Structure formats: structure tokens, C-alpha cells
Amino acid sequence: LILQLCEQWGAFVGSPIARQSLKFFWL
């Protein structure tokens, strides 16, 4: 359930979180 909620962060970055960089998440 928590991971399903975390997927909604995709609406913040505008793309799925599985494709978002952890290395540059600080940006």
C-alpha cells in the first residue's frame, strides 16, 4: 500500500517514479 501511494509522486515530477533519478532527486 505504501509503495502504491509512493507511485503518486509521479504527478509531482510529471513522469513515473520508476524512471526518475535517485541520484538527482535532490534537484
mmCIF file of all heavy atoms, coordinates in Angstrom:
data_MODEL
# 
_entry.id   MODEL 
# 
loop_
_atom_site.group_PDB 
_atom_site.id 
_atom_site.type_symbol 
_atom_site.label_atom_id 
_atom_site.label_alt_id 
_atom_site.label_comp_id 
_atom_site.label_asym_id 
_atom_site.label_entity_id 
_atom_site.label_seq_id 
_atom_site.pdbx_PDB_ins_code 
_atom_site.Cartn_x 
_atom_site.Cartn_y 
_atom_site.Cartn_z 
_atom_site.occupancy 
_atom_site.B_iso_or_equiv 
_atom_site.pdbx_formal_charge 
_atom_site.auth_seq_id 
_atom_site.auth_comp_id 
_atom_site.auth_asym_id 
_atom_site.auth_atom_id 
_atom_site.pdbx_PDB_model_num 
ATOM 1   N N   . LEU A 1 1  ? 0.832  -1.209 0.000   1.00 0.00 ? 1  LEU A N   1 
ATOM 2   C CA  . LEU A 1 1  ? 0.000  0.000  0.000   1.00 0.00 ? 1  LEU A CA  1 
ATOM 3   C C   . LEU A 1 1  ? 0.866  1.259  0.000   1.00 0.00 ? 1  LEU A C   1 
ATOM 4   O O   . LEU A 1 1  ? 0.557  2.237  -0.701  1.00 0.00 ? 1  LEU A O   1 
ATOM 5   C CB  . LEU A 1 1  ? -0.928 -0.010 1.217   1.00 0.00 ? 1  LEU A CB  1 
ATOM 6   C CG  . LEU A 1 1  ? -2.034 -1.069 1.219   1.00 0.00 ? 1  LEU A CG  1 
ATOM 7   C CD1 . LEU A 1 1  ? -2.766 -1.071 2.560   1.00 0.00 ? 1  LEU A CD1 1 
ATOM 8   C CD2 . LEU A 1 1  ? -3.015 -0.828 0.078   1.00 0.00 ? 1  LEU A CD2 1 
ATOM 9   N N   . ILE A 1 2  ? 1.936  1.230  0.779   1.00 0.00 ? 2  ILE A N   1 
ATOM 10  C CA  . ILE A 1 2  ? 2.810  2.413  0.835   1.00 0.00 ? 2  ILE A CA  1 
ATOM 11  C C   . ILE A 1 2  ? 3.465  2.647  -0.517  1.00 0.00 ? 2  ILE A C   1 
ATOM 12  O O   . ILE A 1 2  ? 3.560  3.796  -0.988  1.00 0.00 ? 2  ILE A O   1 
ATOM 13  C CB  . ILE A 1 2  ? 3.865  2.236  1.946   1.00 0.00 ? 2  ILE A CB  1 
ATOM 14  C CG1 . ILE A 1 2  ? 3.185  2.268  3.317   1.00 0.00 ? 2  ILE A CG1 1 
ATOM 15  C CG2 . ILE A 1 2  ? 4.920  3.340  1.858   1.00 0.00 ? 2  ILE A CG2 1 
ATOM 16  C CD1 . ILE A 1 2  ? 4.081  1.791  4.447   1.00 0.00 ? 2  ILE A CD1 1 
ATOM 17  N N   . LEU A 1 3  ? 3.911  1.574  -1.161  1.00 0.00 ? 3  LEU A N   1 
ATOM 18  C CA  . LEU A 1 3  ? 4.513  1.729  -2.481  1.00 0.00 ? 3  LEU A CA  1 
ATOM 19  C C   . LEU A 1 3  ? 3.502  2.242  -3.499  1.00 0.00 ? 3  LEU A C   1 
ATOM 20  O O   . LEU A 1 3  ? 3.838  3.031  -4.388  1.00 0.00 ? 3  LEU A O   1 
ATOM 21  C CB  . LEU A 1 3  ? 5.115  0.404  -2.948  1.00 0.00 ? 3  LEU A CB  1 
ATOM 22  C CG  . LEU A 1 3  ? 6.403  -0.021 -2.249  1.00 0.00 ? 3  LEU A CG  1 
ATOM 23  C CD1 . LEU A 1 3  ? 6.835  -1.409 -2.713  1.00 0.00 ? 3  LEU A CD1 1 
ATOM 24  C CD2 . LEU A 1 3  ? 7.516  0.987  -2.513  1.00 0.00 ? 3  LEU A CD2 1 
ATOM 25  N N   . GLN A 1 4  ? 2.259  1.810  -3.378  1.00 0.00 ? 4  GLN A N   1 
ATOM 26  C CA  . GLN A 1 4  ? 1.222  2.330  -4.272  1.00 0.00 ? 4  GLN A CA  1 
ATOM 27  C C   . GLN A 1 4  ? 1.025  3.830  -4.058  1.00 0.00 ? 4  GLN A C   1 
ATOM 28  O O   . GLN A 1 4  ? 0.867  4.589  -5.023  1.00 0.00 ? 4  GLN A O   1 
ATOM 29  C CB  . GLN A 1 4  ? -0.092 1.582  -4.037  1.00 0.00 ? 4  GLN A CB  1 
ATOM 30  C CG  . GLN A 1 4  ? -0.080 0.159  -4.554  1.00 0.00 ? 4  GLN A CG  1 
ATOM 31  C CD  . GLN A 1 4  ? -1.342 -0.617 -4.185  1.00 0.00 ? 4  GLN A CD  1 
ATOM 32  O OE1 . GLN A 1 4  ? -2.040 -0.271 -3.227  1.00 0.00 ? 4  GLN A OE1 1 
ATOM 33  N NE2 . GLN A 1 4  ? -1.630 -1.665 -4.928  1.00 0.00 ? 4  GLN A NE2 1 
ATOM 34  N N   . LEU A 1 5  ? 1.056  4.249  -2.793  1.00 0.00 ? 5  LEU A N   1 
ATOM 35  C CA  . LEU A 1 5  ? 0.961  5.679  -2.510  1.00 0.00 ? 5  LEU A CA  1 
ATOM 36  C C   . LEU A 1 5  ? 2.178  6.429  -3.052  1.00 0.00 ? 5  LEU A C   1 
ATOM 37  O O   . LEU A 1 5  ? 2.053  7.524  -3.611  1.00 0.00 ? 5  LEU A O   1 
ATOM 38  C CB  . LEU A 1 5  ? 0.845  5.910  -1.000  1.00 0.00 ? 5  LEU A CB  1 
ATOM 39  C CG  . LEU A 1 5  ? -0.541 5.849  -0.359  1.00 0.00 ? 5  LEU A CG  1 
ATOM 40  C CD1 . LEU A 1 5  ? -0.423 6.008  1.146   1.00 0.00 ? 5  LEU A CD1 1 
ATOM 41  C CD2 . LEU A 1 5  ? -1.447 6.933  -0.930  1.00 0.00 ? 5  LEU A CD2 1 
ATOM 42  N N   . CYS A 1 6  ? 3.359  5.827  -2.883  1.00 0.00 ? 6  CYS A N   1 
ATOM 43  C CA  . CYS A 1 6  ? 4.577  6.483  -3.357  1.00 0.00 ? 6  CYS A CA  1 
ATOM 44  C C   . CYS A 1 6  ? 4.560  6.701  -4.858  1.00 0.00 ? 6  CYS A C   1 
ATOM 45  O O   . CYS A 1 6  ? 5.147  7.664  -5.360  1.00 0.00 ? 6  CYS A O   1 
ATOM 46  C CB  . CYS A 1 6  ? 5.798  5.657  -2.969  1.00 0.00 ? 6  CYS A CB  1 
ATOM 47  S SG  . CYS A 1 6  ? 6.231  5.741  -1.209  1.00 0.00 ? 6  CYS A SG  1 
ATOM 48  N N   . GLU A 1 7  ? 3.889  5.838  -5.586  1.00 0.00 ? 7  GLU A N   1 
ATOM 49  C CA  . GLU A 1 7  ? 3.816  5.994  -7.034  1.00 0.00 ? 7  GLU A CA  1 
ATOM 50  C C   . GLU A 1 7  ? 3.158  7.309  -7.422  1.00 0.00 ? 7  GLU A C   1 
ATOM 51  O O   . GLU A 1 7  ? 3.397  7.833  -8.513  1.00 0.00 ? 7  GLU A O   1 
ATOM 52  C CB  . GLU A 1 7  ? 3.065  4.818  -7.653  1.00 0.00 ? 7  GLU A CB  1 
ATOM 53  C CG  . GLU A 1 7  ? 3.847  3.521  -7.646  1.00 0.00 ? 7  GLU A CG  1 
ATOM 54  C CD  . GLU A 1 7  ? 3.055  2.361  -8.218  1.00 0.00 ? 7  GLU A CD  1 
ATOM 55  O OE1 . GLU A 1 7  ? 1.944  2.602  -8.741  1.00 0.00 ? 7  GLU A OE1 1 
ATOM 56  O OE2 . GLU A 1 7  ? 3.532  1.214  -8.146  1.00 0.00 ? 7  GLU A OE2 1 
ATOM 57  N N   . GLN A 1 8  ? 2.341  7.865  -6.538  1.00 0.00 ? 8  GLN A N   1 
ATOM 58  C CA  . GLN A 1 8  ? 1.669  9.116  -6.845  1.00 0.00 ? 8  GLN A CA  1 
ATOM 59  C C   . GLN A 1 8  ? 2.644  10.288 -6.923  1.00 0.00 ? 8  GLN A C   1 
ATOM 60  O O   . GLN A 1 8  ? 2.289  11.363 -7.380  1.00 0.00 ? 8  GLN A O   1 
ATOM 61  C CB  . GLN A 1 8  ? 0.585  9.414  -5.801  1.00 0.00 ? 8  GLN A CB  1 
ATOM 62  C CG  . GLN A 1 8  ? -0.647 8.544  -5.950  1.00 0.00 ? 8  GLN A CG  1 
ATOM 63  C CD  . GLN A 1 8  ? -1.265 8.677  -7.329  1.00 0.00 ? 8  GLN A CD  1 
ATOM 64  O OE1 . GLN A 1 8  ? -1.093 7.817  -8.183  1.00 0.00 ? 8  GLN A OE1 1 
ATOM 65  N NE2 . GLN A 1 8  ? -1.976 9.764  -7.571  1.00 0.00 ? 8  GLN A NE2 1 
ATOM 66  N N   . TRP A 1 9  ? 3.890  10.080 -6.472  1.00 0.00 ? 9  TRP A N   1 
ATOM 67  C CA  . TRP A 1 9  ? 4.886  11.141 -6.629  1.00 0.00 ? 9  TRP A CA  1 
ATOM 68  C C   . TRP A 1 9  ? 5.138  11.415 -8.107  1.00 0.00 ? 9  TRP A C   1 
ATOM 69  O O   . TRP A 1 9  ? 5.658  12.459 -8.478  1.00 0.00 ? 9  TRP A O   1 
ATOM 70  C CB  . TRP A 1 9  ? 6.182  10.752 -5.921  1.00 0.00 ? 9  TRP A CB  1 
ATOM 71  C CG  . TRP A 1 9  ? 7.125  11.903 -5.810  1.00 0.00 ? 9  TRP A CG  1 
ATOM 72  C CD1 . TRP A 1 9  ? 8.202  12.141 -6.604  1.00 0.00 ? 9  TRP A CD1 1 
ATOM 73  C CD2 . TRP A 1 9  ? 7.060  12.988 -4.888  1.00 0.00 ? 9  TRP A CD2 1 
ATOM 74  N NE1 . TRP A 1 9  ? 8.827  13.308 -6.222  1.00 0.00 ? 9  TRP A NE1 1 
ATOM 75  C CE2 . TRP A 1 9  ? 8.131  13.845 -5.170  1.00 0.00 ? 9  TRP A CE2 1 
ATOM 76  C CE3 . TRP A 1 9  ? 6.186  13.313 -3.844  1.00 0.00 ? 9  TRP A CE3 1 
ATOM 77  C CZ2 . TRP A 1 9  ? 8.370  15.010 -4.463  1.00 0.00 ? 9  TRP A CZ2 1 
ATOM 78  C CZ3 . TRP A 1 9  ? 6.418  14.463 -3.129  1.00 0.00 ? 9  TRP A CZ3 1 
ATOM 79  C CH2 . TRP A 1 9  ? 7.502  15.306 -3.435  1.00 0.00 ? 9  TRP A CH2 1 
ATOM 80  N N   . GLY A 1 10 ? 4.743  10.486 -8.957  1.00 0.00 ? 10 GLY A N   1 
ATOM 81  C CA  . GLY A 1 10 ? 4.855  10.705 -10.388 1.00 0.00 ? 10 GLY A CA  1 
ATOM 82  C C   . GLY A 1 10 ? 4.110  11.938 -10.854 1.00 0.00 ? 10 GLY A C   1 
ATOM 83  O O   . GLY A 1 10 ? 4.499  12.590 -11.835 1.00 0.00 ? 10 GLY A O   1 
ATOM 84  N N   . ALA A 1 11 ? 3.026  12.300 -10.153 1.00 0.00 ? 11 ALA A N   1 
ATOM 85  C CA  . ALA A 1 11 ? 2.289  13.509 -10.506 1.00 0.00 ? 11 ALA A CA  1 
ATOM 86  C C   . ALA A 1 11 ? 3.063  14.763 -10.125 1.00 0.00 ? 11 ALA A C   1 
ATOM 87  O O   . ALA A 1 11 ? 2.790  15.840 -10.652 1.00 0.00 ? 11 ALA A O   1 
ATOM 88  C CB  . ALA A 1 11 ? 0.916  13.504 -9.808  1.00 0.00 ? 11 ALA A CB  1 
ATOM 89  N N   . PHE A 1 12 ? 4.027  14.623 -9.228  1.00 0.00 ? 12 PHE A N   1 
ATOM 90  C CA  . PHE A 1 12 ? 4.872  15.762 -8.862  1.00 0.00 ? 12 PHE A CA  1 
ATOM 91  C C   . PHE A 1 12 ? 5.929  16.007 -9.932  1.00 0.00 ? 12 PHE A C   1 
ATOM 92  O O   . PHE A 1 12 ? 6.120  17.129 -10.376 1.00 0.00 ? 12 PHE A O   1 
ATOM 93  C CB  . PHE A 1 12 ? 5.532  15.505 -7.509  1.00 0.00 ? 12 PHE A CB  1 
ATOM 94  C CG  . PHE A 1 12 ? 6.450  16.601 -7.046  1.00 0.00 ? 12 PHE A CG  1 
ATOM 95  C CD1 . PHE A 1 12 ? 5.965  17.660 -6.316  1.00 0.00 ? 12 PHE A CD1 1 
ATOM 96  C CD2 . PHE A 1 12 ? 7.804  16.573 -7.351  1.00 0.00 ? 12 PHE A CD2 1 
ATOM 97  C CE1 . PHE A 1 12 ? 6.813  18.679 -5.889  1.00 0.00 ? 12 PHE A CE1 1 
ATOM 98  C CE2 . PHE A 1 12 ? 8.653  17.579 -6.940  1.00 0.00 ? 12 PHE A CE2 1 
ATOM 99  C CZ  . PHE A 1 12 ? 8.147  18.642 -6.204  1.00 0.00 ? 12 PHE A CZ  1 
ATOM 100 N N   . VAL A 1 13 ? 6.602  14.938 -10.365 1.00 0.00 ? 13 VAL A N   1 
ATOM 101 C CA  . VAL A 1 13 ? 7.679  15.098 -11.332 1.00 0.00 ? 13 VAL A CA  1 
ATOM 102 C C   . VAL A 1 13 ? 7.184  15.026 -12.767 1.00 0.00 ? 13 VAL A C   1 
ATOM 103 O O   . VAL A 1 13 ? 7.923  15.339 -13.709 1.00 0.00 ? 13 VAL A O   1 
ATOM 104 C CB  . VAL A 1 13 ? 8.786  14.042 -11.112 1.00 0.00 ? 13 VAL A CB  1 
ATOM 105 C CG1 . VAL A 1 13 ? 9.460  14.265 -9.778  1.00 0.00 ? 13 VAL A CG1 1 
ATOM 106 C CG2 . VAL A 1 13 ? 8.237  12.626 -11.204 1.00 0.00 ? 13 VAL A CG2 1 
ATOM 107 N N   . GLY A 1 14 ? 5.926  14.600 -12.956 1.00 0.00 ? 14 GLY A N   1 
ATOM 108 C CA  . GLY A 1 14 ? 5.356  14.563 -14.294 1.00 0.00 ? 14 GLY A CA  1 
ATOM 109 C C   . GLY A 1 14 ? 5.677  13.309 -15.082 1.00 0.00 ? 14 GLY A C   1 
ATOM 110 O O   . GLY A 1 14 ? 5.393  13.240 -16.274 1.00 0.00 ? 14 GLY A O   1 
ATOM 111 N N   . SER A 1 15 ? 6.242  12.288 -14.427 1.00 0.00 ? 15 SER A N   1 
ATOM 112 C CA  . SER A 1 15 ? 6.583  11.021 -15.074 1.00 0.00 ? 15 SER A CA  1 
ATOM 113 C C   . SER A 1 15 ? 6.631  9.939  -13.990 1.00 0.00 ? 15 SER A C   1 
ATOM 114 O O   . SER A 1 15 ? 6.792  10.241 -12.804 1.00 0.00 ? 15 SER A O   1 
ATOM 115 C CB  . SER A 1 15 ? 7.940  11.095 -15.786 1.00 0.00 ? 15 SER A CB  1 
ATOM 116 O OG  . SER A 1 15 ? 7.913  12.005 -16.853 1.00 0.00 ? 15 SER A OG  1 
ATOM 117 N N   . PRO A 1 16 ? 6.527  8.665  -14.361 1.00 0.00 ? 16 PRO A N   1 
ATOM 118 C CA  . PRO A 1 16 ? 6.550  7.581  -13.368 1.00 0.00 ? 16 PRO A CA  1 
ATOM 119 C C   . PRO A 1 16 ? 7.844  7.585  -12.556 1.00 0.00 ? 16 PRO A C   1 
ATOM 120 O O   . PRO A 1 16 ? 8.929  7.854  -13.090 1.00 0.00 ? 16 PRO A O   1 
ATOM 121 C CB  . PRO A 1 16 ? 6.431  6.314  -14.224 1.00 0.00 ? 16 PRO A CB  1 
ATOM 122 C CG  . PRO A 1 16 ? 5.757  6.762  -15.473 1.00 0.00 ? 16 PRO A CG  1 
ATOM 123 C CD  . PRO A 1 16 ? 6.262  8.155  -15.723 1.00 0.00 ? 16 PRO A CD  1 
ATOM 124 N N   . ILE A 1 17 ? 7.735  7.246  -11.273 1.00 0.00 ? 17 ILE A N   1 
ATOM 125 C CA  . ILE A 1 17 ? 8.900  7.287  -10.392 1.00 0.00 ? 17 ILE A CA  1 
ATOM 126 C C   . ILE A 1 17 ? 9.910  6.192  -10.724 1.00 0.00 ? 17 ILE A C   1 
ATOM 127 O O   . ILE A 1 17 ? 11.080 6.310  -10.369 1.00 0.00 ? 17 ILE A O   1 
ATOM 128 C CB  . ILE A 1 17 ? 8.497  7.205  -8.911  1.00 0.00 ? 17 ILE A CB  1 
ATOM 129 C CG1 . ILE A 1 17 ? 7.735  5.902  -8.625  1.00 0.00 ? 17 ILE A CG1 1 
ATOM 130 C CG2 . ILE A 1 17 ? 7.671  8.417  -8.516  1.00 0.00 ? 17 ILE A CG2 1 
ATOM 131 C CD1 . ILE A 1 17 ? 7.461  5.689  -7.150  1.00 0.00 ? 17 ILE A CD1 1 
ATOM 132 N N   . ALA A 1 18 ? 9.489  5.136  -11.404 1.00 0.00 ? 18 ALA A N   1 
ATOM 133 C CA  . ALA A 1 18 ? 10.429 4.093  -11.806 1.00 0.00 ? 18 ALA A CA  1 
ATOM 134 C C   . ALA A 1 18 ? 11.424 4.613  -12.834 1.00 0.00 ? 18 ALA A C   1 
ATOM 135 O O   . ALA A 1 18 ? 12.459 3.978  -13.067 1.00 0.00 ? 18 ALA A O   1 
ATOM 136 C CB  . ALA A 1 18 ? 9.681  2.889  -12.365 1.00 0.00 ? 18 ALA A CB  1 
ATOM 137 N N   . ARG A 1 19 ? 11.121 5.760  -13.438 1.00 0.00 ? 19 ARG A N   1 
ATOM 138 C CA  . ARG A 1 19 ? 12.038 6.343  -14.424 1.00 0.00 ? 19 ARG A CA  1 
ATOM 139 C C   . ARG A 1 19 ? 12.731 7.595  -13.880 1.00 0.00 ? 19 ARG A C   1 
ATOM 140 O O   . ARG A 1 19 ? 13.444 8.281  -14.620 1.00 0.00 ? 19 ARG A O   1 
ATOM 141 C CB  . ARG A 1 19 ? 11.278 6.689  -15.708 1.00 0.00 ? 19 ARG A CB  1 
ATOM 142 C CG  . ARG A 1 19 ? 10.677 5.478  -16.401 1.00 0.00 ? 19 ARG A CG  1 
ATOM 143 C CD  . ARG A 1 19 ? 10.566 5.683  -17.896 1.00 0.00 ? 19 ARG A CD  1 
ATOM 144 N NE  . ARG A 1 19 ? 9.615  6.720  -18.244 1.00 0.00 ? 19 ARG A NE  1 
ATOM 145 C CZ  . ARG A 1 19 ? 8.328  6.497  -18.505 1.00 0.00 ? 19 ARG A CZ  1 
ATOM 146 N NH1 . ARG A 1 19 ? 7.851  5.261  -18.445 1.00 0.00 ? 19 ARG A NH1 1 
ATOM 147 N NH2 . ARG A 1 19 ? 7.520  7.485  -18.829 1.00 0.00 ? 19 ARG A NH2 1 
ATOM 148 N N   . GLN A 1 20 ? 12.536 7.910  -12.594 1.00 0.00 ? 20 GLN A N   1 
ATOM 149 C CA  . GLN A 1 20 ? 13.119 9.123  -12.031 1.00 0.00 ? 20 GLN A CA  1 
ATOM 150 C C   . GLN A 1 20 ? 14.427 8.830  -11.302 1.00 0.00 ? 20 GLN A C   1 
ATOM 151 O O   . GLN A 1 20 ? 14.544 7.862  -10.561 1.00 0.00 ? 20 GLN A O   1 
ATOM 152 C CB  . GLN A 1 20 ? 12.132 9.790  -11.080 1.00 0.00 ? 20 GLN A CB  1 
ATOM 153 C CG  . GLN A 1 20 ? 10.900 10.339 -11.785 1.00 0.00 ? 20 GLN A CG  1 
ATOM 154 C CD  . GLN A 1 20 ? 11.239 11.242 -12.945 1.00 0.00 ? 20 GLN A CD  1 
ATOM 155 O OE1 . GLN A 1 20 ? 11.914 12.255 -12.778 1.00 0.00 ? 20 GLN A OE1 1 
ATOM 156 N NE2 . GLN A 1 20 ? 10.802 10.880 -14.138 1.00 0.00 ? 20 GLN A NE2 1 
ATOM 157 N N   . SER A 1 21 ? 15.388 9.699  -11.511 1.00 0.00 ? 21 SER A N   1 
ATOM 158 C CA  . SER A 1 21 ? 16.731 9.518  -10.966 1.00 0.00 ? 21 SER A CA  1 
ATOM 159 C C   . SER A 1 21 ? 16.761 9.731  -9.455  1.00 0.00 ? 21 SER A C   1 
ATOM 160 O O   . SER A 1 21 ? 16.325 10.774 -8.963  1.00 0.00 ? 21 SER A O   1 
ATOM 161 C CB  . SER A 1 21 ? 17.684 10.504 -11.635 1.00 0.00 ? 21 SER A CB  1 
ATOM 162 O OG  . SER A 1 21 ? 18.926 10.562 -10.969 1.00 0.00 ? 21 SER A OG  1 
ATOM 163 N N   . LEU A 1 22 ? 17.310 8.768  -8.738  1.00 0.00 ? 22 LEU A N   1 
ATOM 164 C CA  . LEU A 1 22 ? 17.571 8.957  -7.315  1.00 0.00 ? 22 LEU A CA  1 
ATOM 165 C C   . LEU A 1 22 ? 18.791 9.851  -7.130  1.00 0.00 ? 22 LEU A C   1 
ATOM 166 O O   . LEU A 1 22 ? 18.831 10.684 -6.219  1.00 0.00 ? 22 LEU A O   1 
ATOM 167 C CB  . LEU A 1 22 ? 17.796 7.613  -6.630  1.00 0.00 ? 22 LEU A CB  1 
ATOM 168 C CG  . LEU A 1 22 ? 18.154 7.671  -5.142  1.00 0.00 ? 22 LEU A CG  1 
ATOM 169 C CD1 . LEU A 1 22 ? 17.008 8.259  -4.331  1.00 0.00 ? 22 LEU A CD1 1 
ATOM 170 C CD2 . LEU A 1 22 ? 18.513 6.283  -4.618  1.00 0.00 ? 22 LEU A CD2 1 
ATOM 171 N N   . LYS A 1 23 ? 19.758 9.708  -8.008  1.00 0.00 ? 23 LYS A N   1 
ATOM 172 C CA  . LYS A 1 23 ? 20.999 10.475 -7.930  1.00 0.00 ? 23 LYS A CA  1 
ATOM 173 C C   . LYS A 1 23 ? 20.708 11.975 -7.922  1.00 0.00 ? 23 LYS A C   1 
ATOM 174 O O   . LYS A 1 23 ? 21.362 12.742 -7.205  1.00 0.00 ? 23 LYS A O   1 
ATOM 175 C CB  . LYS A 1 23 ? 21.874 10.118 -9.125  1.00 0.00 ? 23 LYS A CB  1 
ATOM 176 C CG  . LYS A 1 23 ? 23.253 10.766 -9.158  1.00 0.00 ? 23 LYS A CG  1 
ATOM 177 C CD  . LYS A 1 23 ? 24.029 10.309 -10.378 1.00 0.00 ? 23 LYS A CD  1 
ATOM 178 C CE  . LYS A 1 23 ? 25.439 10.856 -10.408 1.00 0.00 ? 23 LYS A CE  1 
ATOM 179 N NZ  . LYS A 1 23 ? 26.295 10.242 -9.368  1.00 0.00 ? 23 LYS A NZ  1 
ATOM 180 N N   . PHE A 1 24 ? 19.705 12.409 -8.692  1.00 0.00 ? 24 PHE A N   1 
ATOM 181 C CA  . PHE A 1 24 ? 19.388 13.834 -8.784  1.00 0.00 ? 24 PHE A CA  1 
ATOM 182 C C   . PHE A 1 24 ? 18.009 14.167 -8.243  1.00 0.00 ? 24 PHE A C   1 
ATOM 183 O O   . PHE A 1 24 ? 17.421 15.185 -8.602  1.00 0.00 ? 24 PHE A O   1 
ATOM 184 C CB  . PHE A 1 24 ? 19.533 14.300 -10.234 1.00 0.00 ? 24 PHE A CB  1 
ATOM 185 C CG  . PHE A 1 24 ? 20.958 14.316 -10.698 1.00 0.00 ? 24 PHE A CG  1 
ATOM 186 C CD1 . PHE A 1 24 ? 21.429 13.328 -11.547 1.00 0.00 ? 24 PHE A CD1 1 
ATOM 187 C CD2 . PHE A 1 24 ? 21.835 15.291 -10.252 1.00 0.00 ? 24 PHE A CD2 1 
ATOM 188 C CE1 . PHE A 1 24 ? 22.758 13.318 -11.954 1.00 0.00 ? 24 PHE A CE1 1 
ATOM 189 C CE2 . PHE A 1 24 ? 23.161 15.287 -10.651 1.00 0.00 ? 24 PHE A CE2 1 
ATOM 190 C CZ  . PHE A 1 24 ? 23.625 14.301 -11.502 1.00 0.00 ? 24 PHE A CZ  1 
ATOM 191 N N   . PHE A 1 25 ? 17.522 13.331 -7.331  1.00 0.00 ? 25 PHE A N   1 
ATOM 192 C CA  . PHE A 1 25 ? 16.236 13.644 -6.694  1.00 0.00 ? 25 PHE A CA  1 
ATOM 193 C C   . PHE A 1 25 ? 16.331 14.931 -5.886  1.00 0.00 ? 25 PHE A C   1 
ATOM 194 O O   . PHE A 1 25 ? 15.353 15.653 -5.717  1.00 0.00 ? 25 PHE A O   1 
ATOM 195 C CB  . PHE A 1 25 ? 15.804 12.476 -5.795  1.00 0.00 ? 25 PHE A CB  1 
ATOM 196 C CG  . PHE A 1 25 ? 14.417 12.640 -5.214  1.00 0.00 ? 25 PHE A CG  1 
ATOM 197 C CD1 . PHE A 1 25 ? 13.341 12.950 -6.016  1.00 0.00 ? 25 PHE A CD1 1 
ATOM 198 C CD2 . PHE A 1 25 ? 14.205 12.475 -3.847  1.00 0.00 ? 25 PHE A CD2 1 
ATOM 199 C CE1 . PHE A 1 25 ? 12.066 13.094 -5.480  1.00 0.00 ? 25 PHE A CE1 1 
ATOM 200 C CE2 . PHE A 1 25 ? 12.934 12.617 -3.303  1.00 0.00 ? 25 PHE A CE2 1 
ATOM 201 C CZ  . PHE A 1 25 ? 11.861 12.921 -4.115  1.00 0.00 ? 25 PHE A CZ  1 
ATOM 202 N N   . TRP A 1 26 ? 17.523 15.268 -5.406  1.00 0.00 ? 26 TRP A N   1 
ATOM 203 C CA  . TRP A 1 26 ? 17.693 16.486 -4.615  1.00 0.00 ? 26 TRP A CA  1 
ATOM 204 C C   . TRP A 1 26 ? 17.352 17.729 -5.422  1.00 0.00 ? 26 TRP A C   1 
ATOM 205 O O   . TRP A 1 26 ? 17.006 18.778 -4.849  1.00 0.00 ? 26 TRP A O   1 
ATOM 206 C CB  . TRP A 1 26 ? 19.115 16.579 -4.068  1.00 0.00 ? 26 TRP A CB  1 
ATOM 207 C CG  . TRP A 1 26 ? 20.214 16.643 -5.080  1.00 0.00 ? 26 TRP A CG  1 
ATOM 208 C CD1 . TRP A 1 26 ? 20.859 15.593 -5.658  1.00 0.00 ? 26 TRP A CD1 1 
ATOM 209 C CD2 . TRP A 1 26 ? 20.820 17.817 -5.621  1.00 0.00 ? 26 TRP A CD2 1 
ATOM 210 N NE1 . TRP A 1 26 ? 21.832 16.037 -6.525  1.00 0.00 ? 26 TRP A NE1 1 
ATOM 211 C CE2 . TRP A 1 26 ? 21.827 17.398 -6.525  1.00 0.00 ? 26 TRP A CE2 1 
ATOM 212 C CE3 . TRP A 1 26 ? 20.622 19.182 -5.425  1.00 0.00 ? 26 TRP A CE3 1 
ATOM 213 C CZ2 . TRP A 1 26 ? 22.624 18.293 -7.234  1.00 0.00 ? 26 TRP A CZ2 1 
ATOM 214 C CZ3 . TRP A 1 26 ? 21.419 20.079 -6.125  1.00 0.00 ? 26 TRP A CZ3 1 
ATOM 215 C CH2 . TRP A 1 26 ? 22.399 19.636 -7.017  1.00 0.00 ? 26 TRP A CH2 1 
ATOM 216 N N   . LEU A 1 27 ? 17.400 17.631 -6.748  1.00 0.00 ? 27 LEU A N   1 
ATOM 217 C CA  . LEU A 1 27 ? 17.036 18.774 -7.576  1.00 0.00 ? 27 LEU A CA  1 
ATOM 218 C C   . LEU A 1 27 ? 15.533 19.060 -7.562  1.00 0.00 ? 27 LEU A C   1 
ATOM 219 O O   . LEU A 1 27 ? 15.089 20.071 -8.090  1.00 0.00 ? 27 LEU A O   1 
ATOM 220 C CB  . LEU A 1 27 ? 17.494 18.545 -9.023  1.00 0.00 ? 27 LEU A CB  1 
ATOM 221 C CG  . LEU A 1 27 ? 19.000 18.646 -9.280  1.00 0.00 ? 27 LEU A CG  1 
ATOM 222 C CD1 . LEU A 1 27 ? 19.321 18.194 -10.698 1.00 0.00 ? 27 LEU A CD1 1 
ATOM 223 C CD2 . LEU A 1 27 ? 19.498 20.062 -9.038  1.00 0.00 ? 27 LEU A CD2 1 
# 
